[in-house]
Protein backbone atom coordinates (compact mmCIF):
# COMPACT_ATOMS: atom_id res chain seq x y z
CA UNK A 1 -29.98 -17.24 -6.82
CA UNK A 2 -26.79 -15.29 -5.89
CA UNK A 3 -28.18 -12.31 -4.12
CA UNK A 4 -28.88 -12.28 -0.42
CA UNK A 5 -31.83 -9.82 -0.95
CA UNK A 6 -34.28 -9.08 -3.71
CA UNK A 7 -33.05 -5.52 -4.41
CA UNK A 8 -31.81 -5.09 -7.93
CA UNK A 9 -29.09 -2.72 -9.25
CA UNK A 10 -30.78 0.38 -10.61
CA UNK A 11 -29.33 2.92 -13.17
CA UNK A 12 -27.96 5.09 -10.22
CA UNK A 13 -26.38 2.00 -8.56
CA UNK A 14 -24.87 0.96 -11.91
CA UNK A 15 -23.25 4.33 -12.30
CA UNK A 16 -21.73 4.04 -8.85
CA UNK A 17 -20.38 0.57 -9.54
CA UNK A 18 -18.91 1.88 -12.79
CA UNK A 19 -17.29 4.82 -11.00
CA UNK A 20 -15.68 2.38 -8.49
CA UNK A 21 -14.41 0.26 -11.28
CA UNK A 22 -13.15 3.31 -13.19
CA UNK A 23 -10.71 4.50 -10.53
CA UNK A 24 -8.34 1.50 -10.29
CA UNK A 25 -8.44 1.12 -14.08
CA UNK A 26 -7.57 4.74 -14.60
CA UNK A 27 -4.61 4.57 -12.10
CA UNK A 28 -2.99 2.08 -14.32
CA UNK A 29 -2.58 4.87 -16.83
CA UNK A 30 -2.74 8.19 -15.02
CA UNK A 31 0.85 7.71 -13.55
CA UNK A 32 2.57 7.15 -16.92
CA UNK A 33 2.32 10.83 -18.07
CA UNK A 34 3.65 11.95 -14.70
CA UNK A 35 6.71 9.67 -14.63
CA UNK A 36 9.24 12.34 -15.89
CA UNK A 37 7.92 14.80 -13.35
CA UNK A 38 8.13 12.20 -10.52
CA UNK A 39 11.69 11.31 -11.52
CA UNK A 40 12.79 14.91 -11.42
CA UNK A 41 11.05 15.60 -8.09
CA UNK A 42 12.09 12.40 -6.13
CA UNK A 43 15.45 11.93 -7.92
CA UNK A 44 14.46 8.28 -8.92
CA UNK A 45 16.34 6.31 -11.48
CA UNK A 46 14.78 4.71 -14.49
CA UNK A 47 14.66 1.29 -12.81
CA UNK A 48 12.82 2.77 -9.89
CA UNK A 49 10.31 4.43 -12.25
CA UNK A 50 9.65 1.00 -13.69
CA UNK A 51 8.73 -0.38 -10.25
CA UNK A 52 6.28 2.53 -9.75
CA UNK A 53 4.36 1.05 -12.68
CA UNK A 54 5.20 -2.59 -12.18
CA UNK A 55 4.57 -2.64 -8.35
CA UNK A 56 0.88 -1.66 -8.93
CA UNK A 57 0.36 -4.10 -11.76
CA UNK A 58 2.04 -6.90 -9.83
CA UNK A 59 -0.15 -6.46 -6.78
CA UNK A 60 -3.21 -6.21 -9.00
CA UNK A 61 -2.46 -9.34 -10.85
CA UNK A 62 -1.69 -11.49 -7.78
CA UNK A 63 -4.82 -10.47 -5.73
CA UNK A 64 -7.41 -10.16 -8.57
CA UNK A 65 -8.79 -13.66 -8.42
CA UNK A 66 -8.58 -13.53 -4.59
CA UNK A 67 -10.64 -10.45 -4.62
CA UNK A 68 -13.36 -12.15 -6.67
CA UNK A 69 -13.54 -15.02 -4.26
CA UNK A 70 -13.66 -12.73 -1.13
CA UNK A 71 -16.68 -10.94 -2.68
CA UNK A 72 -18.43 -14.24 -3.29
CA UNK A 73 -17.85 -15.28 0.29
CA UNK A 74 -18.27 -12.04 2.32
CA UNK A 75 -20.57 -9.89 0.22
CA UNK A 76 -19.58 -7.93 -2.99
CA UNK A 77 -20.53 -4.53 -1.61
CA UNK A 78 -18.76 -5.13 1.53
CA UNK A 79 -15.57 -5.95 -0.22
CA UNK A 80 -16.08 -3.25 -2.71
CA UNK A 81 -16.33 -0.70 0.05
CA UNK A 82 -13.24 -2.12 1.85
CA UNK A 83 -11.31 -2.05 -1.42
CA UNK A 84 -12.25 1.65 -2.12
CA UNK A 85 -11.28 2.72 1.38
CA UNK A 86 -7.85 1.07 1.27
CA UNK A 87 -7.36 2.31 -2.28
CA UNK A 88 -8.00 5.85 -1.19
CA UNK A 89 -5.79 5.54 1.91
CA UNK A 90 -2.96 4.11 -0.38
CA UNK A 91 -3.50 6.96 -2.84
CA UNK A 92 -2.93 9.34 0.17
CA UNK A 93 0.44 7.53 0.94
CA UNK A 94 1.39 7.86 -2.75
CA UNK A 95 0.65 11.57 -2.65
CA UNK A 96 2.94 12.22 0.33
CA UNK A 97 5.74 10.06 -0.93
CA UNK A 98 9.15 11.60 -0.10
CA UNK A 99 11.19 9.03 -1.95
CA UNK A 100 11.06 6.46 -4.76
CA UNK A 101 10.93 3.57 -2.33
CA UNK A 102 8.05 4.93 -0.38
CA UNK A 103 6.15 5.56 -3.68
CA UNK A 104 6.77 2.04 -4.85
CA UNK A 105 5.60 0.64 -1.56
CA UNK A 106 2.44 2.72 -1.57
CA UNK A 107 1.73 1.74 -5.23
CA UNK A 108 1.99 -1.97 -4.27
CA UNK A 109 -0.62 -1.42 -1.50
CA UNK A 110 -2.71 0.64 -3.90
CA UNK A 111 -2.56 -2.16 -6.50
CA UNK A 112 -3.61 -4.80 -3.98
CA UNK A 113 -6.65 -2.70 -2.97
CA UNK A 114 -7.39 -2.04 -6.58
CA UNK A 115 -7.68 -5.77 -7.14
CA UNK A 116 -10.53 -6.00 -4.82
CA UNK A 117 -12.80 -3.60 -6.83
CA UNK A 118 -13.26 -4.76 -10.44
CA UNK A 119 -14.43 -8.41 -9.47
CA UNK A 120 -17.08 -6.87 -7.23
CA UNK A 121 -18.30 -4.47 -10.01
CA UNK A 122 -18.66 -7.43 -12.42
CA UNK A 123 -20.12 -9.87 -9.82
CA UNK A 124 -22.73 -7.22 -8.79
CA UNK A 125 -23.76 -6.62 -12.34
CA UNK A 126 -23.98 -10.25 -12.98
CA UNK A 127 -26.08 -10.93 -9.81
CA UNK A 128 -28.12 -7.85 -9.43
CA UNK A 129 -29.13 -6.50 -12.88
CA UNK A 130 -32.23 -7.59 -14.54
CA UNK A 131 -31.60 -10.09 -17.38
CA UNK A 132 -32.92 -7.73 -20.05
CA UNK A 133 -30.44 -5.06 -18.97
CA UNK A 134 -27.50 -7.19 -18.36
CA UNK A 135 -25.96 -7.10 -21.75
CA UNK A 136 -26.21 -3.32 -21.83
CA UNK A 137 -24.75 -3.04 -18.38
CA UNK A 138 -21.71 -5.25 -19.55
CA UNK A 139 -21.23 -3.07 -22.56
CA UNK A 140 -21.12 -0.02 -20.30
CA UNK A 141 -18.49 -1.80 -18.20
CA UNK A 142 -16.36 -2.44 -21.30
CA UNK A 143 -16.70 1.19 -22.36
CA UNK A 144 -15.52 2.33 -18.94
CA UNK A 145 -12.39 0.11 -19.32
CA UNK A 146 -11.62 1.88 -22.60
CA UNK A 147 -12.49 5.28 -21.24
CA UNK A 148 -10.20 4.73 -18.25
CA UNK A 149 -7.10 4.90 -20.45
CA UNK A 150 -8.25 8.16 -22.20
CA UNK A 151 -9.25 9.78 -18.97
CA UNK A 152 -6.19 8.59 -17.13
CA UNK A 153 -3.72 9.93 -19.79
CA UNK A 154 -5.62 13.21 -20.19
CA UNK A 155 -6.24 13.73 -16.51
CA UNK A 156 -2.75 12.80 -15.50
CA UNK A 157 -1.21 15.43 -17.94
CA UNK A 158 -3.72 18.14 -16.99
CA UNK A 159 -3.21 17.69 -13.29
CA UNK A 160 0.64 17.62 -13.45
CA UNK A 161 0.61 20.66 -15.71
CA UNK A 162 -1.87 22.59 -13.58
CA UNK A 163 0.35 22.17 -10.41
CA UNK A 164 -2.52 23.36 -8.22
CA UNK A 165 -1.31 24.63 -4.83
CA UNK A 166 2.26 23.32 -5.74
CA UNK A 167 1.07 19.78 -5.66
CA UNK A 168 2.66 18.92 -9.04
CA UNK A 169 2.34 15.12 -9.66
CA UNK A 170 0.88 14.44 -6.28
CA UNK A 171 -2.48 15.66 -7.40
CA UNK A 172 -2.91 12.61 -9.59
CA UNK A 173 -3.21 10.55 -6.39
CA UNK A 174 -5.02 13.08 -4.33
CA UNK A 175 -7.94 13.17 -6.90
CA UNK A 176 -8.83 9.64 -5.82
CA UNK A 177 -9.78 10.76 -2.23
CA UNK A 178 -12.98 12.81 -3.07
CA UNK A 179 -13.99 10.31 -5.84
CA UNK A 180 -13.46 7.31 -3.66
CA UNK A 181 -15.32 8.83 -0.78
CA UNK A 182 -18.21 9.55 -3.04
CA UNK A 183 -18.18 6.08 -4.39
CA UNK A 184 -18.18 4.57 -0.96
CA UNK A 185 -21.02 6.81 0.31
CA UNK A 186 -23.32 6.21 -2.71
CA UNK A 187 -22.41 2.42 -2.81
CA UNK A 188 -23.75 2.00 0.72
CA UNK A 189 -27.11 3.56 -0.33
CA UNK A 190 -27.49 2.58 -3.89
CA UNK A 191 -25.73 -0.82 -4.40
CA UNK A 192 -27.38 -4.06 -3.08
CA UNK A 193 -25.46 -6.61 -1.25
CA UNK A 194 -24.85 -9.79 -3.16
CA UNK A 195 -22.85 -12.96 -2.62
CA UNK A 196 -22.55 -16.50 -3.89
CA UNK A 197 -24.51 -19.24 -2.00
CA UNK A 198 -21.67 -21.67 -2.75
CA UNK A 199 -18.44 -19.50 -2.33
CA UNK A 200 -15.20 -21.02 -3.35
CA UNK A 201 -12.34 -21.26 -0.77
CA UNK A 202 -9.10 -19.23 -1.29
CA UNK A 203 -6.11 -20.99 -2.79
CA UNK A 204 -3.34 -19.49 -0.71
CA UNK A 205 -0.67 -21.77 -1.92
CA UNK A 206 -1.39 -21.00 -5.45
CA UNK A 207 -1.67 -17.22 -4.75
CA UNK A 208 1.76 -17.30 -3.06
CA UNK A 209 3.48 -19.15 -5.74
CA UNK A 210 2.05 -16.94 -8.44
CA UNK A 211 3.41 -13.93 -6.54
CA UNK A 212 6.78 -15.54 -6.19
CA UNK A 213 7.09 -16.52 -9.79
CA UNK A 214 6.31 -12.95 -11.05
CA UNK A 215 8.31 -11.33 -8.34
CA UNK A 216 11.48 -13.34 -9.33
CA UNK A 217 11.06 -12.26 -12.97
CA UNK A 218 10.48 -8.63 -12.13
CA UNK A 219 13.15 -8.25 -9.42
CA UNK A 220 15.67 -10.01 -11.56
CA UNK A 221 15.02 -7.93 -14.68
CA UNK A 222 14.65 -4.66 -12.86
CA UNK A 223 17.66 -4.84 -10.52
CA UNK A 224 19.72 -6.64 -13.21
CA UNK A 225 19.51 -3.75 -15.59
CA UNK A 226 20.25 -1.26 -12.78
CA UNK A 227 23.23 -3.01 -11.25
CA UNK A 228 24.87 -4.44 -14.40
CA UNK A 229 23.48 -8.04 -13.99
CA UNK A 230 25.22 -9.40 -10.87
CA UNK A 231 25.10 -13.14 -10.36
CA UNK A 232 22.15 -13.15 -7.99
CA UNK A 233 19.93 -11.35 -10.49
CA UNK A 234 20.63 -14.08 -13.06
CA UNK A 235 19.88 -16.62 -10.32
CA UNK A 236 16.54 -14.93 -9.70
CA UNK A 237 15.61 -15.21 -13.29
CA UNK A 238 16.62 -18.93 -13.41
CA UNK A 239 14.54 -19.64 -10.32
CA UNK A 240 11.31 -18.18 -11.92
CA UNK A 241 10.56 -21.21 -14.11
CA UNK A 242 11.25 -23.50 -11.25
CA UNK A 243 8.64 -21.58 -9.26
CA UNK A 244 6.18 -21.63 -12.18
CA UNK A 245 6.55 -25.46 -12.22
CA UNK A 246 5.97 -25.58 -8.47
CA UNK A 247 2.82 -23.47 -9.11
CA UNK A 248 1.63 -25.98 -11.78
CA UNK A 249 2.14 -28.94 -9.61
CA UNK A 250 0.44 -27.13 -6.63
CA UNK A 251 -2.63 -26.41 -8.75
CA UNK A 252 -2.92 -30.08 -9.94
CA UNK A 253 -2.64 -31.09 -6.23
CA UNK A 254 -5.34 -28.68 -5.20
CA UNK A 255 -7.65 -30.24 -7.91
CA UNK A 256 -6.93 -33.71 -6.63
CA UNK A 257 -7.95 -32.61 -3.04
CA UNK A 258 -11.29 -31.59 -4.51
CA UNK A 259 -10.82 -27.83 -4.03
CA UNK A 260 -10.83 -25.08 -6.75
CA UNK A 261 -7.32 -23.75 -7.63
CA UNK A 262 -6.32 -20.27 -8.43
CA UNK A 263 -5.46 -21.20 -12.07
CA UNK A 264 -7.31 -24.41 -12.93
CA UNK A 265 -5.18 -26.76 -14.99
CA UNK A 266 -8.42 -27.94 -16.75
CA UNK A 267 -8.87 -24.49 -18.22
CA UNK A 268 -5.26 -24.27 -19.40
CA UNK A 269 -5.57 -27.76 -20.85
CA UNK A 270 -8.06 -26.50 -23.57
CA UNK A 271 -6.11 -25.96 -26.81
CA UNK A 272 -7.88 -22.79 -27.79
CA UNK A 273 -7.40 -21.26 -24.36
CA UNK A 274 -3.84 -22.12 -24.18
CA UNK A 275 -3.12 -21.02 -27.72
CA UNK A 276 -4.89 -17.69 -27.23
CA UNK A 277 -2.99 -16.95 -24.06
CA UNK A 278 0.37 -17.79 -25.65
CA UNK A 279 -0.46 -15.34 -28.46
CA UNK A 280 -1.70 -12.48 -26.25
CA UNK A 281 0.99 -12.72 -23.52
CA UNK A 282 3.87 -11.53 -25.58
CA UNK A 283 1.66 -9.02 -27.35
CA UNK A 284 0.59 -7.42 -24.12
CA UNK A 285 4.21 -7.52 -22.73
CA UNK A 286 5.48 -5.56 -25.72
CA UNK A 287 2.46 -3.10 -25.45
CA UNK A 288 3.16 -2.37 -21.80
CA UNK A 289 6.83 -1.71 -22.44
CA UNK A 290 5.85 0.65 -25.25
CA UNK A 291 3.35 2.45 -22.91
CA UNK A 292 6.07 2.96 -20.37
CA UNK A 293 8.52 4.43 -22.87
CA UNK A 294 6.11 6.58 -24.87
CA UNK A 295 5.45 9.35 -22.37
CA UNK A 296 9.08 9.55 -21.33
CA UNK A 297 10.09 9.97 -25.02
CA UNK A 298 7.43 12.57 -25.68
CA UNK A 299 8.38 14.78 -22.70
CA UNK A 300 12.07 14.12 -22.17
CA UNK A 301 12.84 13.51 -25.89
CA UNK A 302 10.58 15.90 -27.64
CA UNK A 303 10.13 18.44 -24.90
CA UNK A 304 6.35 18.24 -24.62
CA UNK A 305 4.80 19.35 -21.36
CA UNK A 306 2.72 16.78 -19.53
CA UNK A 307 -0.72 18.09 -20.74
CA UNK A 308 0.23 18.07 -24.40
CA UNK A 309 1.84 14.70 -23.99
CA UNK A 310 -1.27 13.36 -22.35
CA UNK A 311 -3.39 14.65 -25.21
CA UNK A 312 -1.07 13.10 -27.73
CA UNK A 313 -1.15 9.66 -26.10
CA UNK A 314 -4.92 9.95 -25.54
CA UNK A 315 -5.38 9.80 -29.37
CA UNK A 316 -4.28 6.28 -29.27
CA UNK A 317 -6.64 5.49 -26.42
CA UNK A 318 -9.53 6.92 -28.46
CA UNK A 319 -8.58 4.67 -31.29
CA UNK A 320 -8.55 1.76 -28.84
CA UNK A 321 -12.10 2.63 -27.61
CA UNK A 322 -13.38 2.80 -31.27
CA UNK A 323 -11.72 -0.49 -32.04
CA UNK A 324 -13.26 -2.22 -29.00
CA UNK A 325 -16.71 -1.43 -30.20
CA UNK A 326 -15.92 -2.76 -33.71
CA UNK A 327 -14.71 -6.23 -32.47
CA UNK A 328 -18.04 -8.04 -32.19
CA UNK A 329 -19.15 -7.15 -35.83
CA UNK A 330 -15.79 -7.94 -37.23
CA UNK A 331 -15.64 -11.35 -35.40
CA UNK A 332 -19.03 -12.20 -36.77
CA UNK A 333 -17.53 -11.88 -40.33
CA UNK A 334 -13.92 -12.91 -39.80
CA UNK A 335 -13.77 -14.99 -36.61
CA UNK A 336 -10.29 -15.47 -35.02
CA UNK A 337 -8.66 -13.83 -38.03
CA UNK A 338 -9.47 -10.55 -36.38
CA UNK A 339 -6.68 -11.17 -34.00
CA UNK A 340 -4.08 -11.62 -36.63
CA UNK A 341 -5.36 -8.54 -38.48
CA UNK A 342 -5.27 -6.45 -35.40
CA UNK A 343 -1.66 -7.47 -34.81
CA UNK A 344 -0.72 -6.52 -38.42
CA UNK A 345 -2.42 -3.11 -37.85
CA UNK A 346 -0.47 -2.54 -34.78
CA UNK A 347 2.82 -3.60 -36.33
CA UNK A 348 2.07 -1.12 -39.15
CA UNK A 349 1.74 1.64 -36.57
CA UNK A 350 4.96 0.64 -34.89
CA UNK A 351 6.69 0.66 -38.26
CA UNK A 352 5.36 4.15 -38.88
CA UNK A 353 6.68 5.42 -35.62
CA UNK A 354 10.14 3.89 -36.12
CA UNK A 355 10.20 5.74 -39.51
CA UNK A 356 9.35 8.97 -37.86
CA UNK A 357 12.10 8.50 -35.25
CA UNK A 358 14.70 7.54 -37.79
CA UNK A 359 13.86 10.17 -40.48
CA UNK A 360 13.07 12.99 -38.13
CA UNK A 361 10.13 15.35 -38.27
CA UNK A 362 7.75 17.26 -36.04
CA UNK A 363 6.20 15.39 -33.20
CA UNK A 364 2.69 15.51 -34.61
CA UNK A 365 3.81 12.95 -37.26
CA UNK A 366 3.56 10.33 -34.62
CA UNK A 367 -0.28 10.58 -34.48
CA UNK A 368 -1.12 8.30 -37.34
CA UNK A 369 1.17 5.60 -35.86
CA UNK A 370 -0.41 5.98 -32.42
CA UNK A 371 -3.89 5.69 -33.94
CA UNK A 372 -2.94 2.47 -35.80
CA UNK A 373 -1.30 1.02 -32.61
CA UNK A 374 -4.45 1.78 -30.46
CA UNK A 375 -6.70 0.34 -33.01
CA UNK A 376 -4.67 -2.79 -33.60
CA UNK A 377 -4.33 -3.30 -29.86
CA UNK A 378 -8.13 -3.18 -29.43
CA UNK A 379 -8.81 -5.63 -32.07
CA UNK A 380 -6.20 -8.09 -30.65
CA UNK A 381 -7.20 -7.80 -26.99
CA UNK A 382 -10.98 -7.75 -27.70
CA UNK A 383 -10.74 -10.76 -30.02
CA UNK A 384 -8.50 -12.74 -27.93
CA UNK A 385 -10.83 -12.20 -24.87
CA UNK A 386 -13.86 -13.48 -26.85
CA UNK A 387 -11.94 -16.39 -28.30
CA UNK A 388 -10.31 -17.46 -24.99
CA UNK A 389 -13.48 -17.12 -22.88
CA UNK A 390 -15.66 -18.84 -25.51
CA UNK A 391 -13.36 -21.92 -25.27
CA UNK A 392 -13.58 -22.21 -21.52
CA UNK A 393 -16.05 -24.98 -20.35
CA UNK A 394 -19.25 -23.41 -18.90
CA UNK A 395 -18.51 -24.84 -15.34
CA UNK A 396 -15.24 -22.98 -15.28
CA UNK A 397 -16.53 -19.60 -16.75
CA UNK A 398 -15.46 -17.61 -13.59
CA UNK A 399 -12.08 -19.27 -13.23
CA UNK A 400 -11.50 -18.85 -16.93
CA UNK A 401 -11.96 -15.15 -16.67
CA UNK A 402 -9.47 -15.08 -13.78
CA UNK A 403 -6.92 -16.97 -15.71
CA UNK A 404 -7.28 -14.56 -18.68
CA UNK A 405 -6.99 -11.38 -16.59
CA UNK A 406 -4.17 -12.79 -14.54
CA UNK A 407 -2.28 -13.56 -17.80
CA UNK A 408 -2.94 -10.10 -19.24
CA UNK A 409 -1.81 -8.26 -16.18
CA UNK A 410 1.16 -10.51 -15.49
CA UNK A 411 2.38 -10.17 -19.11
CA UNK A 412 2.12 -6.33 -18.81
CA UNK A 413 4.17 -6.35 -15.53
CA UNK A 414 6.86 -8.45 -17.14
CA UNK A 415 6.81 -6.30 -20.25
CA UNK A 416 7.37 -3.05 -18.33
CA UNK A 417 10.19 -4.69 -16.36
CA UNK A 418 11.95 -6.14 -19.40
CA UNK A 419 11.41 -3.52 -22.11
CA UNK A 420 11.57 -0.65 -19.45
CA UNK A 421 15.02 -1.92 -18.56
CA UNK A 422 16.01 -1.91 -22.25
CA UNK A 423 14.74 1.54 -22.60
CA UNK A 424 16.43 3.12 -19.57
CA UNK A 425 19.59 1.24 -20.48
CA UNK A 426 19.73 2.87 -23.94
CA UNK A 427 18.33 6.29 -23.16
CA UNK A 428 21.79 7.71 -22.64
CA UNK A 429 22.33 7.26 -26.48
CA UNK A 430 19.20 9.26 -27.07
CA UNK A 431 15.43 8.95 -26.41
CA UNK A 432 14.74 8.33 -30.09
CA UNK A 433 17.18 5.43 -30.34
CA UNK A 434 15.88 3.85 -27.15
CA UNK A 435 12.26 4.20 -28.04
CA UNK A 436 12.96 2.82 -31.58
CA UNK A 437 14.44 -0.35 -30.07
CA UNK A 438 11.25 -0.81 -27.93
CA UNK A 439 9.15 -0.27 -31.04
CA UNK A 440 11.20 -2.79 -33.02
CA UNK A 441 10.31 -5.37 -30.42
CA UNK A 442 6.64 -4.43 -30.67
CA UNK A 443 6.97 -4.67 -34.53
CA UNK A 444 8.40 -8.10 -34.44
CA UNK A 445 5.90 -9.47 -31.88
CA UNK A 446 3.09 -7.91 -33.94
CA UNK A 447 4.26 -9.65 -37.04
CA UNK A 448 4.73 -12.94 -35.13
CA UNK A 449 1.15 -12.76 -33.71
CA UNK A 450 -0.22 -11.80 -37.19
CA UNK A 451 1.32 -14.87 -38.83
CA UNK A 452 0.36 -17.18 -35.98
CA UNK A 453 -3.23 -15.77 -35.91
CA UNK A 454 -3.85 -15.71 -39.61
CA UNK A 455 -6.14 -18.74 -39.52
């Protein structure tokens, strides 16, 4: 029994929960198409543009597991509402940003608030949906995660292009205010309060060390590329593995004290879990760097307006959605080989795009490559999630999900910082050349994952 009352989540309540979960997922993508416009308006450098993306993902990564535990302890609806309110206020701060630094700080706050929302959505579905409807509800949640990318890219391009009332890119953040207000009002009426009868305490030391580890990497990569790699940026990068080792030792100490750590070593000790995470981490890092560079190349390199660029990129997201629905059936026939096959499909798409860039041609020739990349990404991510979570012991199911999502988001943050730095450093030689280098990294990583995951 995990609910504090007998009310169950009806169809209307499920729709509200899914709307709440959609907004922070969508904001991971909606800003990408607006990056060139933001840079022109605020006069931000390429390195600062990276931080607009990375700051959100970093905060989301660090506070995600913490958000789940807060919901278990204080009530999932309550934490959901608090998260939505802070998310909306942070969106308002983003919309009124007068400088790159202001926008980055507001995005960090927005990411921290966003981390409170998806765990409550999943927890509420798990606790308050009738057993016979739970599988369907979870499939709807997965569909929303896929749709978030499509809607974010399309909506981002359309809103920037519309420039309503002279708001330009600021409208992509202002749109969160009415949607967030509606989600809060409806949640208070339609979503039952649930919480765990045995909530797990918060691992503050683990959370802090995880934040320090990722921050050392991101700041070192971001500032190093901007400032020409002064000694202190190298020092930050060298300190990152030291912080990671301290995190590992701290988590083992938390277990020895009889408490639940942020990242349980028991989960990471499982060979299939560890192997799956080691495969998916570089894959997602390369993917995130590619997602950062793609809209910039389409708009600044090919001269597309934001709406058309969003439409082009959305074709990849549509392929991702289709591939996500195909994963269960393919895994039933092929097992873990789906991951290797998906990596090969994505590598083929990257190779196609490199060919278009090197040989020249109209921008629409990129569409087959984008579709292949989106399809391959879905097969790898979907298959890895099933494989990793399936290898987690039942008693660590919740923690296993936290480890997986933390790895995914952390890898993407590092990928944007690393490959974003490469892209912005090479863009003076031409957008096509810079993007081709990013794609080459994705191609190599895809082939490596395909070879490693062939069995």
